[in-house]
N, C-alpha and C. Protein backbone atom coordinates (compact mmCIF):
# COMPACT_ATOMS: atom_id res chain seq x y z
N MET A 1 -140.73 171.60 8.34
CA MET A 1 -139.82 171.63 9.47
C MET A 1 -138.37 171.78 8.99
N LYS A 2 -138.02 170.99 7.95
CA LYS A 2 -136.66 171.08 7.42
C LYS A 2 -136.39 172.45 6.83
N VAL A 3 -137.40 173.02 6.18
CA VAL A 3 -137.25 174.34 5.59
C VAL A 3 -137.01 175.37 6.68
N MET A 4 -137.72 175.26 7.77
CA MET A 4 -137.57 176.21 8.88
C MET A 4 -136.17 176.11 9.47
N LYS A 5 -135.66 174.89 9.65
CA LYS A 5 -134.31 174.70 10.18
C LYS A 5 -133.28 175.31 9.24
N LEU A 6 -133.48 175.14 7.95
CA LEU A 6 -132.57 175.68 6.96
C LEU A 6 -132.58 177.21 7.01
N ILE A 7 -133.76 177.79 7.14
CA ILE A 7 -133.88 179.25 7.23
C ILE A 7 -133.17 179.76 8.48
N VAL A 8 -133.38 179.12 9.61
CA VAL A 8 -132.74 179.53 10.86
C VAL A 8 -131.22 179.40 10.74
N PHE A 9 -130.75 178.28 10.21
CA PHE A 9 -129.31 178.06 10.05
C PHE A 9 -128.70 179.13 9.14
N THR A 10 -129.34 179.38 8.00
CA THR A 10 -128.84 180.38 7.05
C THR A 10 -128.81 181.75 7.69
N THR A 11 -129.83 182.09 8.44
CA THR A 11 -129.89 183.38 9.12
C THR A 11 -128.75 183.52 10.13
N LEU A 12 -128.50 182.47 10.89
CA LEU A 12 -127.42 182.52 11.88
C LEU A 12 -126.05 182.65 11.22
N VAL A 13 -125.84 181.93 10.15
CA VAL A 13 -124.56 182.02 9.42
C VAL A 13 -124.38 183.43 8.87
N PHE A 14 -125.41 183.96 8.25
CA PHE A 14 -125.34 185.29 7.68
C PHE A 14 -125.09 186.34 8.77
N ALA A 15 -125.77 186.21 9.90
CA ALA A 15 -125.58 187.15 11.01
C ALA A 15 -124.15 187.09 11.53
N GLY A 16 -123.59 185.89 11.59
CA GLY A 16 -122.21 185.74 12.03
C GLY A 16 -121.24 186.40 11.08
N GLN A 17 -121.49 186.28 9.78
CA GLN A 17 -120.62 186.92 8.80
C GLN A 17 -120.72 188.43 8.90
N LEU A 18 -121.92 188.96 9.09
CA LEU A 18 -122.08 190.40 9.25
C LEU A 18 -121.36 190.89 10.49
N SER A 19 -121.46 190.14 11.56
CA SER A 19 -120.78 190.51 12.80
C SER A 19 -119.28 190.54 12.61
N PHE A 20 -118.74 189.53 11.92
CA PHE A 20 -117.30 189.47 11.65
C PHE A 20 -116.89 190.66 10.79
N ALA A 21 -117.66 190.95 9.74
CA ALA A 21 -117.34 192.06 8.85
C ALA A 21 -117.43 193.39 9.59
N ALA A 22 -118.42 193.55 10.43
CA ALA A 22 -118.58 194.79 11.18
C ALA A 22 -117.39 195.02 12.11
N GLY A 23 -116.90 193.96 12.71
CA GLY A 23 -115.73 194.08 13.58
C GLY A 23 -114.51 194.55 12.82
N ALA A 24 -114.33 194.05 11.61
CA ALA A 24 -113.19 194.46 10.79
C ALA A 24 -113.34 195.91 10.37
N VAL A 25 -114.57 196.34 10.06
CA VAL A 25 -114.79 197.70 9.63
C VAL A 25 -114.54 198.69 10.76
N LYS A 26 -114.91 198.34 11.96
CA LYS A 26 -114.74 199.23 13.10
C LYS A 26 -113.29 199.34 13.56
N GLY A 27 -112.38 198.58 12.94
CA GLY A 27 -110.99 198.65 13.33
C GLY A 27 -110.62 197.63 14.38
N LYS A 28 -111.56 196.79 14.74
CA LYS A 28 -111.29 195.76 15.73
C LYS A 28 -110.53 194.62 15.05
N ASP A 29 -109.46 194.19 15.67
CA ASP A 29 -108.67 193.09 15.11
C ASP A 29 -109.44 191.78 15.16
N ILE A 30 -109.14 190.91 14.20
CA ILE A 30 -109.72 189.57 14.23
C ILE A 30 -109.11 188.82 15.42
N THR A 31 -109.77 187.79 15.84
CA THR A 31 -109.29 186.99 16.96
C THR A 31 -108.40 185.86 16.45
N GLU A 32 -107.72 185.20 17.37
CA GLU A 32 -106.91 184.03 17.02
C GLU A 32 -107.80 182.94 16.41
N SER A 33 -108.99 182.78 16.96
CA SER A 33 -109.94 181.81 16.44
C SER A 33 -110.34 182.15 15.00
N ASP A 34 -110.56 183.43 14.72
CA ASP A 34 -110.87 183.86 13.36
C ASP A 34 -109.71 183.54 12.43
N ALA A 35 -108.48 183.80 12.88
CA ALA A 35 -107.29 183.53 12.07
C ALA A 35 -107.20 182.04 11.72
N LYS A 36 -107.51 181.18 12.67
CA LYS A 36 -107.50 179.74 12.41
C LYS A 36 -108.50 179.38 11.32
N LYS A 37 -109.71 179.91 11.42
CA LYS A 37 -110.75 179.61 10.44
C LYS A 37 -110.35 180.09 9.05
N ILE A 38 -109.79 181.27 8.98
CA ILE A 38 -109.37 181.83 7.70
C ILE A 38 -108.26 180.98 7.10
N ALA A 39 -107.29 180.57 7.93
CA ALA A 39 -106.18 179.75 7.44
C ALA A 39 -106.68 178.41 6.92
N LEU A 40 -107.64 177.82 7.61
CA LEU A 40 -108.16 176.51 7.19
C LEU A 40 -108.97 176.60 5.89
N LYS A 41 -109.48 177.79 5.57
CA LYS A 41 -110.14 177.96 4.27
C LYS A 41 -109.10 177.96 3.14
N GLU A 42 -107.89 178.41 3.46
CA GLU A 42 -106.82 178.45 2.47
C GLU A 42 -106.14 177.09 2.32
N VAL A 43 -105.88 176.45 3.46
CA VAL A 43 -105.22 175.14 3.46
C VAL A 43 -106.03 174.22 4.37
N ALA A 44 -106.76 173.30 3.78
CA ALA A 44 -107.57 172.38 4.57
C ALA A 44 -106.65 171.36 5.22
N GLY A 45 -106.47 171.46 6.51
CA GLY A 45 -105.58 170.56 7.23
C GLY A 45 -105.81 170.70 8.73
N GLU A 46 -104.74 170.58 9.49
CA GLU A 46 -104.81 170.67 10.96
C GLU A 46 -103.91 171.81 11.43
N VAL A 47 -104.50 172.75 12.17
CA VAL A 47 -103.72 173.87 12.71
C VAL A 47 -102.77 173.35 13.77
N LYS A 48 -101.50 173.66 13.62
CA LYS A 48 -100.47 173.22 14.56
C LYS A 48 -100.06 174.35 15.50
N GLU A 49 -100.06 175.58 14.99
CA GLU A 49 -99.59 176.71 15.81
C GLU A 49 -100.16 178.00 15.26
N VAL A 50 -100.48 178.92 16.16
CA VAL A 50 -100.91 180.27 15.78
C VAL A 50 -100.10 181.25 16.60
N GLU A 51 -99.48 182.20 15.93
CA GLU A 51 -98.72 183.24 16.62
C GLU A 51 -99.07 184.59 16.01
N ARG A 52 -99.11 185.58 16.86
CA ARG A 52 -99.21 186.95 16.35
C ARG A 52 -97.81 187.50 16.44
N GLU A 53 -97.29 187.94 15.30
CA GLU A 53 -95.90 188.36 15.26
C GLU A 53 -95.70 189.48 14.25
N ASN A 54 -94.49 190.00 14.25
CA ASN A 54 -94.10 191.04 13.32
C ASN A 54 -93.22 190.42 12.25
N GLU A 55 -93.71 190.40 11.01
CA GLU A 55 -92.95 189.86 9.89
C GLU A 55 -92.63 190.99 8.93
N HIS A 56 -91.36 191.26 8.76
CA HIS A 56 -90.92 192.28 7.81
C HIS A 56 -91.59 193.62 8.09
N GLY A 57 -91.72 193.97 9.37
CA GLY A 57 -92.30 195.25 9.76
C GLY A 57 -93.81 195.29 9.75
N GLN A 58 -94.46 194.16 9.55
CA GLN A 58 -95.92 194.11 9.50
C GLN A 58 -96.46 193.15 10.55
N ASP A 59 -97.46 193.60 11.29
CA ASP A 59 -98.11 192.77 12.29
C ASP A 59 -98.98 191.74 11.57
N VAL A 60 -98.80 190.45 11.89
CA VAL A 60 -99.57 189.39 11.22
C VAL A 60 -99.89 188.28 12.21
N TYR A 61 -100.94 187.52 11.87
CA TYR A 61 -101.15 186.22 12.48
C TYR A 61 -100.42 185.24 11.58
N SER A 62 -99.58 184.41 12.15
CA SER A 62 -98.89 183.35 11.43
C SER A 62 -99.49 182.03 11.89
N VAL A 63 -100.16 181.34 10.97
CA VAL A 63 -100.86 180.10 11.30
C VAL A 63 -100.19 178.95 10.56
N ASP A 64 -99.65 177.99 11.30
CA ASP A 64 -99.05 176.80 10.70
C ASP A 64 -100.11 175.72 10.58
N VAL A 65 -100.27 175.22 9.35
CA VAL A 65 -101.28 174.20 9.07
C VAL A 65 -100.58 172.98 8.47
N ALA A 66 -100.83 171.79 9.05
CA ALA A 66 -100.27 170.54 8.54
C ALA A 66 -101.25 169.93 7.55
N LYS A 67 -100.69 169.52 6.39
CA LYS A 67 -101.51 168.86 5.38
C LYS A 67 -100.61 167.95 4.55
N ASP A 68 -100.99 166.70 4.43
CA ASP A 68 -100.27 165.72 3.59
C ASP A 68 -98.78 165.64 3.96
N GLY A 69 -98.48 165.68 5.24
CA GLY A 69 -97.10 165.56 5.69
C GLY A 69 -96.26 166.82 5.51
N LYS A 70 -96.90 167.91 5.14
CA LYS A 70 -96.20 169.18 4.94
C LYS A 70 -96.77 170.22 5.89
N ILE A 71 -95.98 171.25 6.15
CA ILE A 71 -96.45 172.37 6.98
C ILE A 71 -96.53 173.61 6.09
N PHE A 72 -97.68 174.27 6.15
CA PHE A 72 -97.89 175.50 5.40
C PHE A 72 -98.07 176.64 6.40
N GLU A 73 -97.39 177.75 6.14
CA GLU A 73 -97.55 178.94 6.97
C GLU A 73 -98.47 179.90 6.24
N VAL A 74 -99.58 180.24 6.90
CA VAL A 74 -100.55 181.18 6.34
C VAL A 74 -100.42 182.47 7.15
N SER A 75 -100.06 183.56 6.46
CA SER A 75 -99.92 184.87 7.11
C SER A 75 -101.18 185.67 6.85
N ILE A 76 -101.76 186.22 7.94
CA ILE A 76 -103.05 186.90 7.85
C ILE A 76 -102.94 188.28 8.51
N ASP A 77 -103.48 189.28 7.85
CA ASP A 77 -103.52 190.64 8.40
C ASP A 77 -104.55 190.66 9.53
N PRO A 78 -104.13 191.02 10.76
CA PRO A 78 -105.06 190.98 11.90
C PRO A 78 -106.13 192.07 11.86
N LYS A 79 -105.93 193.10 11.08
CA LYS A 79 -106.93 194.18 10.98
C LYS A 79 -108.05 193.81 10.01
N SER A 80 -107.66 193.29 8.84
CA SER A 80 -108.65 193.04 7.79
C SER A 80 -109.07 191.58 7.66
N GLY A 81 -108.23 190.65 8.15
CA GLY A 81 -108.50 189.24 7.98
C GLY A 81 -108.07 188.73 6.62
N LYS A 82 -107.39 189.58 5.85
CA LYS A 82 -106.94 189.22 4.51
C LYS A 82 -105.72 188.29 4.59
N VAL A 83 -105.73 187.25 3.74
CA VAL A 83 -104.57 186.35 3.65
C VAL A 83 -103.49 187.07 2.85
N LEU A 84 -102.33 187.23 3.48
CA LEU A 84 -101.23 187.94 2.84
C LEU A 84 -100.36 187.02 1.99
N ARG A 85 -100.16 185.80 2.50
CA ARG A 85 -99.36 184.82 1.75
C ARG A 85 -99.54 183.44 2.38
N VAL A 86 -99.29 182.44 1.55
CA VAL A 86 -99.28 181.04 1.99
C VAL A 86 -97.98 180.45 1.48
N GLU A 87 -97.17 179.92 2.39
CA GLU A 87 -95.88 179.35 2.01
C GLU A 87 -95.71 177.98 2.63
N GLU A 88 -95.17 177.07 1.85
CA GLU A 88 -94.83 175.76 2.38
C GLU A 88 -93.49 175.88 3.08
N GLU A 89 -93.43 175.42 4.33
CA GLU A 89 -92.16 175.45 5.05
C GLU A 89 -91.30 174.30 4.58
N LYS A 90 -90.07 174.60 4.28
CA LYS A 90 -89.11 173.58 3.84
C LYS A 90 -88.48 172.91 5.05
N PRO A 91 -88.02 171.65 4.90
CA PRO A 91 -87.34 170.98 6.01
C PRO A 91 -86.16 171.83 6.50
N GLY A 92 -86.06 171.97 7.81
CA GLY A 92 -84.99 172.77 8.41
C GLY A 92 -85.32 174.25 8.48
N GLN A 93 -86.42 174.64 7.87
CA GLN A 93 -86.84 176.04 7.91
C GLN A 93 -87.78 176.20 9.08
N GLY A 94 -87.27 176.75 10.16
CA GLY A 94 -88.11 176.92 11.33
C GLY A 94 -88.27 178.37 11.65
N LYS A 95 -89.06 178.63 12.65
CA LYS A 95 -89.24 180.00 13.10
C LYS A 95 -88.04 180.42 13.91
N GLU A 96 -87.73 181.69 13.81
CA GLU A 96 -86.58 182.21 14.55
C GLU A 96 -86.95 182.60 15.95
């Protein structure tokens, strides 16, 4: 029974990953929810804010993640889901 549950769970996870990858290949942008998941893989913490914005001429998801009393900004390409950069926000450094 446990083996069957493990097989079903693994199959569902794998199918979800294929679906996510297929969406990226077809040119479909990742969702805000996808951006949150990707950011949390980079910085394990609590998502405080997600914005889709233009940074330096590039469309990105900007995800603010709180961890250990600090805020980290994770910038993600909405087309590929690739993490472009992770930066710790300094005190007084806010969004414009």
